[in-house]
């Protein structure tokens, strides 16, 4: 691999994340907000790595008997493209010789994110597990993908699925659904502030669209990219969403920080027991 394709820093670390292979644990928690990294790692019993570059902040440490990395991605699947490819390179490529290892390493990729409900029965402060994610972003144009065959969405919309982790030990109640991943927060998610979007998101009826009996439940900006690249690169991914708003009812959580903390705690407990 040429130096222009697999870029490393002078210390040998991968270019954007500034991480070395030993900095990455078998389970990686992805959060969008850089400030949320410290909120998660504060629950670790010890931290052995803290690094940052741009919006990518990484803490690696121990929770119970599991070594875990928590890493901020920033917003959007464009950043997910960077994060997933560089995480994979850290565990599956010799960065010095630029040769792929014969033995593949599969990471557990766990997203802890916030999201908006687009289903009348999914309310603020509930947890949604993304059984599938439909990507309206253009990441699917650059990688092999399964198209979402539906007249509701643009032709480039792609469909992805989570890894079939056992969720029987997850300590909080949750709803399973399809997450719609969009390439923006305003127009792409059907918000109209001073501009009227050219594509009208069918927000009031979207929950009635089902894939294999599973309805659309929520909307955000990362899950489809995480699922797509994880599957293609041979990693195990799942997305947990704390619902902060119900778009159909115009509601927003009265205690978003408390709700996110509940999801963080539950996810860490589940990781300690199940992965």
Protein backbone atom coordinates (compact mmCIF):
# COMPACT_ATOMS: atom_id res chain seq x y z
CA UNK A 1 0.00 0.00 0.00
CA UNK A 2 1.38 3.37 -0.99
CA UNK A 3 2.08 6.02 1.63
CA UNK A 4 -0.61 8.23 0.09
CA UNK A 5 -3.27 5.51 0.60
CA UNK A 6 -2.49 4.23 4.09
CA UNK A 7 -1.22 7.33 5.88
CA UNK A 8 0.59 7.24 9.21
CA UNK A 9 1.99 9.94 11.48
CA UNK A 10 5.72 10.30 12.30
CA UNK A 11 5.22 8.22 15.47
CA UNK A 12 3.75 5.37 13.43
CA UNK A 13 0.15 6.00 14.48
CA UNK A 14 -2.76 5.94 12.03
CA UNK A 15 -3.33 9.34 10.45
CA UNK A 16 -6.64 10.77 11.70
CA UNK A 17 -7.18 8.84 14.93
CA UNK A 18 -3.51 9.14 16.03
CA UNK A 19 -3.74 5.64 17.52
CA UNK A 20 -1.30 2.75 17.64
CA UNK A 21 -2.51 -0.87 17.46
CA UNK A 22 -1.99 -1.39 21.19
CA UNK A 23 -4.33 1.53 21.94
CA UNK A 24 -7.38 -0.34 20.61
CA UNK A 25 -9.37 -2.77 22.77
CA UNK A 26 -11.43 -5.71 21.42
CA UNK A 27 -14.62 -3.73 22.04
CA UNK A 28 -14.90 -0.17 20.74
CA UNK A 29 -17.72 2.13 21.84
CA UNK A 30 -18.44 4.87 19.31
CA UNK A 31 -20.01 8.14 20.43
CA UNK A 32 -20.65 11.17 18.26
CA UNK A 33 -19.98 13.89 20.82
CA UNK A 34 -16.29 14.27 21.82
CA UNK A 35 -17.45 15.41 25.25
CA UNK A 36 -19.24 12.10 25.80
CA UNK A 37 -15.98 10.13 25.75
CA UNK A 38 -15.04 11.28 29.25
CA UNK A 39 -18.60 10.62 30.46
CA UNK A 40 -18.22 6.98 29.41
CA UNK A 41 -14.64 6.50 30.58
CA UNK A 42 -15.47 8.00 33.98
CA UNK A 43 -17.20 4.68 34.67
CA UNK A 44 -14.01 2.69 33.92
CA UNK A 45 -12.00 1.30 36.83
CA UNK A 46 -8.79 2.46 35.12
CA UNK A 47 -7.69 4.22 31.91
CA UNK A 48 -4.44 3.32 30.17
CA UNK A 49 -4.69 5.44 27.02
CA UNK A 50 -5.91 8.96 26.27
CA UNK A 51 -5.33 10.42 22.83
CA UNK A 52 -6.98 13.00 20.61
CA UNK A 53 -6.73 14.61 17.21
CA UNK A 54 -9.37 16.95 15.77
CA UNK A 55 -12.80 15.62 16.82
CA UNK A 56 -11.47 12.10 17.38
CA UNK A 57 -10.93 11.60 21.12
CA UNK A 58 -10.03 8.13 22.40
CA UNK A 59 -9.93 6.69 25.92
CA UNK A 60 -9.06 3.02 26.46
CA UNK A 61 -9.39 1.37 29.84
CA UNK A 62 -11.07 -1.30 31.92
CA UNK A 63 -14.67 -1.86 32.95
CA UNK A 64 -15.13 -4.95 35.12
CA UNK A 65 -12.73 -7.43 33.47
CA UNK A 66 -13.17 -6.07 29.93
CA UNK A 67 -10.76 -3.74 28.16
CA UNK A 68 -12.83 -1.20 26.24
CA UNK A 69 -12.06 1.69 23.91
CA UNK A 70 -14.42 4.65 23.68
CA UNK A 71 -13.93 6.88 20.65
CA UNK A 72 -15.73 9.98 19.38
CA UNK A 73 -16.58 10.10 15.68
CA UNK A 74 -18.08 13.54 15.33
CA UNK A 75 -21.24 13.81 13.23
CA UNK A 76 -22.10 11.96 10.04
CA UNK A 77 -21.18 8.91 7.97
CA UNK A 78 -18.32 10.79 6.27
CA UNK A 79 -16.52 10.64 9.63
CA UNK A 80 -17.63 7.03 10.08
CA UNK A 81 -15.79 6.21 6.84
CA UNK A 82 -12.58 7.52 8.43
CA UNK A 83 -13.08 5.90 11.82
CA UNK A 84 -14.07 2.40 10.66
CA UNK A 85 -11.38 2.15 8.00
CA UNK A 86 -8.66 3.34 10.39
CA UNK A 87 -9.83 1.08 13.24
CA UNK A 88 -9.74 -1.85 10.84
CA UNK A 89 -6.26 -0.92 9.66
CA UNK A 90 -5.02 -0.79 13.25
CA UNK A 91 -5.98 -4.41 13.92
CA UNK A 92 -5.69 -6.01 10.48
CA UNK A 93 -2.70 -4.35 8.79
CA UNK A 94 0.95 -4.13 9.77
CA UNK A 95 1.36 -0.36 9.63
CA UNK A 96 5.14 -0.61 9.20
CA UNK A 97 5.26 -3.13 6.34
CA UNK A 98 1.81 -2.13 4.99
CA UNK A 99 0.89 -5.80 4.66
CA UNK A 100 -2.49 -7.30 5.63
CA UNK A 101 -2.24 -9.84 8.44
CA UNK A 102 -3.09 -13.41 7.49
CA UNK A 103 -5.30 -13.76 10.59
CA UNK A 104 -8.30 -11.41 10.64
CA UNK A 105 -9.28 -9.62 13.85
CA UNK A 106 -12.95 -8.77 14.35
CA UNK A 107 -13.80 -5.88 16.65
CA UNK A 108 -17.03 -5.40 18.58
CA UNK A 109 -18.29 -1.98 17.45
CA UNK A 110 -20.94 -0.57 19.78
CA UNK A 111 -22.59 2.76 19.04
CA UNK A 112 -24.07 4.75 21.94
CA UNK A 113 -25.97 7.59 20.32
CA UNK A 114 -28.90 9.95 20.56
CA UNK A 115 -31.76 9.95 18.11
CA UNK A 116 -35.22 11.23 17.27
CA UNK A 117 -38.32 9.05 17.16
CA UNK A 118 -40.43 8.93 13.99
CA UNK A 119 -42.90 6.42 15.47
CA UNK A 120 -45.97 7.37 17.53
CA UNK A 121 -45.30 4.61 20.08
CA UNK A 122 -41.61 5.37 20.61
CA UNK A 123 -41.25 8.23 23.05
CA UNK A 124 -38.50 10.43 24.46
CA UNK A 125 -36.22 8.69 26.99
CA UNK A 126 -36.75 5.25 25.46
CA UNK A 127 -33.97 3.05 24.07
CA UNK A 128 -34.08 1.78 20.48
CA UNK A 129 -31.82 -0.96 19.14
CA UNK A 130 -31.26 -0.60 15.40
CA UNK A 131 -32.12 -4.01 13.98
CA UNK A 132 -31.50 -2.47 10.58
CA UNK A 133 -30.38 0.91 9.33
CA UNK A 134 -31.35 2.56 6.07
CA UNK A 135 -28.77 4.99 4.73
CA UNK A 136 -29.86 8.03 2.75
CA UNK A 137 -26.26 9.29 2.77
CA UNK A 138 -24.04 8.59 -0.25
CA UNK A 139 -21.58 6.24 1.48
CA UNK A 140 -23.37 3.31 -0.15
CA UNK A 141 -22.41 4.65 -3.58
CA UNK A 142 -18.75 3.89 -2.87
CA UNK A 143 -19.05 0.44 -1.29
CA UNK A 144 -21.00 -2.75 -2.15
CA UNK A 145 -24.41 -2.58 -0.51
CA UNK A 146 -27.97 -3.86 -0.49
CA UNK A 147 -30.44 -1.38 -1.93
CA UNK A 148 -33.59 -0.58 0.04
CA UNK A 149 -36.36 -1.38 -2.41
CA UNK A 150 -39.01 1.15 -1.51
CA UNK A 151 -40.87 3.89 -3.36
CA UNK A 152 -40.68 6.05 -0.23
CA UNK A 153 -36.93 6.72 -0.43
CA UNK A 154 -34.48 7.95 -3.09
CA UNK A 155 -32.97 5.22 -5.27
CA UNK A 156 -29.56 5.45 -3.58
CA UNK A 157 -30.91 4.49 -0.13
CA UNK A 158 -29.16 1.37 1.17
CA UNK A 159 -30.10 -1.21 3.81
CA UNK A 160 -27.77 -2.56 6.51
CA UNK A 161 -28.17 -4.89 9.51
CA UNK A 162 -26.69 -5.23 12.97
CA UNK A 163 -24.60 -8.17 14.11
CA UNK A 164 -26.84 -10.72 15.90
CA UNK A 165 -25.54 -10.13 19.41
CA UNK A 166 -27.48 -11.79 22.23
CA UNK A 167 -29.40 -8.99 23.97
CA UNK A 168 -31.07 -11.17 26.62
CA UNK A 169 -28.81 -9.74 29.34
CA UNK A 170 -29.28 -6.08 28.38
CA UNK A 171 -30.40 -4.54 31.70
CA UNK A 172 -32.90 -1.98 30.37
CA UNK A 173 -36.05 -2.33 28.29
CA UNK A 174 -35.70 -1.42 24.62
CA UNK A 175 -37.55 -1.32 21.31
CA UNK A 176 -36.24 -2.88 18.11
CA UNK A 177 -36.67 -1.00 14.86
CA UNK A 178 -35.20 0.36 11.66
CA UNK A 179 -33.08 3.47 11.99
CA UNK A 180 -33.03 5.99 9.15
CA UNK A 181 -29.59 7.55 8.71
CA UNK A 182 -29.53 10.95 7.02
CA UNK A 183 -26.68 13.13 5.69
CA UNK A 184 -27.74 16.21 7.62
CA UNK A 185 -29.76 17.45 10.60
CA UNK A 186 -32.12 20.01 9.04
CA UNK A 187 -33.36 19.52 5.48
CA UNK A 188 -32.28 15.86 5.20
CA UNK A 189 -34.27 15.07 8.35
CA UNK A 190 -37.33 16.98 7.20
CA UNK A 191 -36.75 20.10 9.29
CA UNK A 192 -37.74 23.41 7.77
CA UNK A 193 -36.30 26.52 9.45
CA UNK A 194 -36.06 29.10 6.64
CA UNK A 195 -35.59 26.68 3.75
CA UNK A 196 -38.13 24.20 2.41
CA UNK A 197 -36.40 20.91 1.55
CA UNK A 198 -36.71 19.75 -2.06
CA UNK A 199 -37.22 16.18 -0.83
CA UNK A 200 -40.20 15.95 1.50
CA UNK A 201 -39.54 13.38 4.21
CA UNK A 202 -42.86 11.53 4.84
CA UNK A 203 -42.45 11.95 8.59
CA UNK A 204 -46.10 11.39 9.49
CA UNK A 205 -46.38 8.05 7.72
CA UNK A 206 -42.83 6.69 7.66
CA UNK A 207 -43.44 4.37 10.62
CA UNK A 208 -46.00 2.51 8.51
CA UNK A 209 -43.22 1.41 6.15
CA UNK A 210 -41.83 -1.96 7.24
CA UNK A 211 -39.00 -4.23 6.10
CA UNK A 212 -39.54 -7.90 6.94
CA UNK A 213 -42.13 -6.86 9.50
CA UNK A 214 -39.88 -4.33 11.27
CA UNK A 215 -41.02 -0.67 11.28
CA UNK A 216 -39.03 2.53 10.98
CA UNK A 217 -38.64 3.88 14.51
CA UNK A 218 -36.01 6.62 14.59
CA UNK A 219 -33.76 8.95 12.65
CA UNK A 220 -30.09 9.96 13.09
CA UNK A 221 -26.80 10.37 11.19
CA UNK A 222 -24.34 7.47 11.71
CA UNK A 223 -25.78 3.95 12.12
CA UNK A 224 -26.04 2.88 8.47
CA UNK A 225 -22.38 3.71 7.84
CA UNK A 226 -21.28 1.80 10.96
CA UNK A 227 -23.27 -1.26 9.92
CA UNK A 228 -22.21 -1.13 6.28
CA UNK A 229 -18.46 -0.84 6.86
CA UNK A 230 -18.45 -3.22 9.84
CA UNK A 231 -20.07 -5.94 7.77
CA UNK A 232 -17.80 -5.39 4.78
CA UNK A 233 -14.66 -5.33 6.94
CA UNK A 234 -15.72 -8.29 9.09
CA UNK A 235 -16.51 -6.56 12.38
CA UNK A 236 -19.50 -6.98 14.72
CA UNK A 237 -21.61 -3.84 15.08
CA UNK A 238 -24.69 -2.78 17.01
CA UNK A 239 -26.28 0.65 17.52
CA UNK A 240 -28.04 1.68 20.74
CA UNK A 241 -30.10 4.87 20.48
CA UNK A 242 -31.43 7.00 23.32
CA UNK A 243 -34.51 8.76 21.99
CA UNK A 244 -34.38 12.43 22.96
CA UNK A 245 -37.19 13.73 20.75
CA UNK A 246 -40.44 12.50 19.24
CA UNK A 247 -40.64 14.27 15.90
CA UNK A 248 -44.30 13.42 15.29
CA UNK A 249 -45.43 14.92 18.60
CA UNK A 250 -42.86 17.71 18.84
CA UNK A 251 -41.61 16.43 22.21
CA UNK A 252 -38.09 16.66 23.64
CA UNK A 253 -36.64 14.92 26.69
CA UNK A 254 -36.94 16.80 29.97
CA UNK A 255 -33.69 15.18 31.23
CA UNK A 256 -31.48 14.25 28.25
CA UNK A 257 -28.24 13.92 30.24
CA UNK A 258 -29.87 11.54 32.72
CA UNK A 259 -31.31 9.43 29.90
CA UNK A 260 -27.99 9.21 28.05
CA UNK A 261 -26.23 8.25 31.28
CA UNK A 262 -28.75 5.43 31.76
CA UNK A 263 -27.96 4.12 28.28
CA UNK A 264 -24.20 4.34 28.88
CA UNK A 265 -24.46 2.43 32.16
CA UNK A 266 -26.71 -0.25 30.65
CA UNK A 267 -24.47 -0.71 27.62
CA UNK A 268 -21.35 -1.08 29.72
CA UNK A 269 -23.07 -3.67 31.90
CA UNK A 270 -24.16 -5.57 28.80
CA UNK A 271 -20.65 -5.46 27.29
CA UNK A 272 -19.16 -6.78 30.54
CA UNK A 273 -21.52 -9.76 30.54
CA UNK A 274 -22.19 -10.55 26.90
CA UNK A 275 -19.20 -9.71 24.68
